[in-house]
Amino acid sequence: MRGQATTTSRRRRLPHARIRPHDWAFLVAVTAAMLGLALLPWGHERWAASAGAIALVAAVAARAWSQKYPGPMPHVGSWTLFMPRGPLSATRLKEVLQPRSGERILEVGPGVGIYSLPIAAALAPSGLLDVVDVQAEMLADLLRRAEKADIRNIVASHGDAQRLAYPEDIFDAAYLISVLGEIPDPAAALRELRRVLKPAGRLVVGEFVIDPDFTSARRTRELAATAGFVLERTVGPRLAYFTLFRTEPVPV
């Protein structure tokens, strides 16, 4: 599949993502928490407690605003995507998703490609990874990183998860990590994912509580069930999990 790392435009240009209120609140929460931790070893307990209180209030505000104003992380905040993922590492995703050479897989909301590159490498030499994102800037960064890593089996499309520009039953699997809560209509996105997945196709949803757009495992299961998915298993704690679904039960 060499020579296939491309960007295609399948929809009209989408609105540019602006810095959201919860991005500012999240930045304040992280900064205050780090400041509080830094003050503790110096014996400034009161200042540390004050910083901790500010972090808590900012975190609550970020969560409330994320639910009121769902939307993609703006490109200006893409540097945060390089932070360690802990339980949501690319290695663990591969263990749950089980990508195989020759498969065609879809990633929704890839950002700069933290997961895209290792998944695409696992699909080589004959598999293909399609990625779709509402921000062309993110896709450009992803493709630059893929070219630098000599990964050529990624096809990037500028589009909307709520209206996927793909025919039915073409993907063996799909995944979205820390993205479900950013989509204004997550139920519509999940219905679209089920439409484009093959019979018994796999869907992995990953969420981490440190993300202001965090969607609980219970809510994810409810949305997926409404879209027609069948729960297979959940990996990891409730606050940092991968959940694997199928479009239909797998015969035993």
Foldseek 3Di string as FASTA:
>chain_A
DAPAAEEDEPDPQDDADDAFPLNVLLVLLVVLQVVLVVCVVVPPNVSSVVSNVSNVVSLVVSLVRLQVQFADHHLVPLVVVPPDQVVPALVVVCVQQVAAAQFEEEEEACFLPRNPQVSLVRNPDHYAYEYEYQDVVRSVNNSVVCVVVSRGRYYYYNDALLDDPDAFARGQEYEYEQCLLNHPDSLSSLLSVLRRHHAFHKYKYWAAQSRSSGDWPVRVVVSNVVSQWAWDDWDDDRRTIITMITNDDDDD
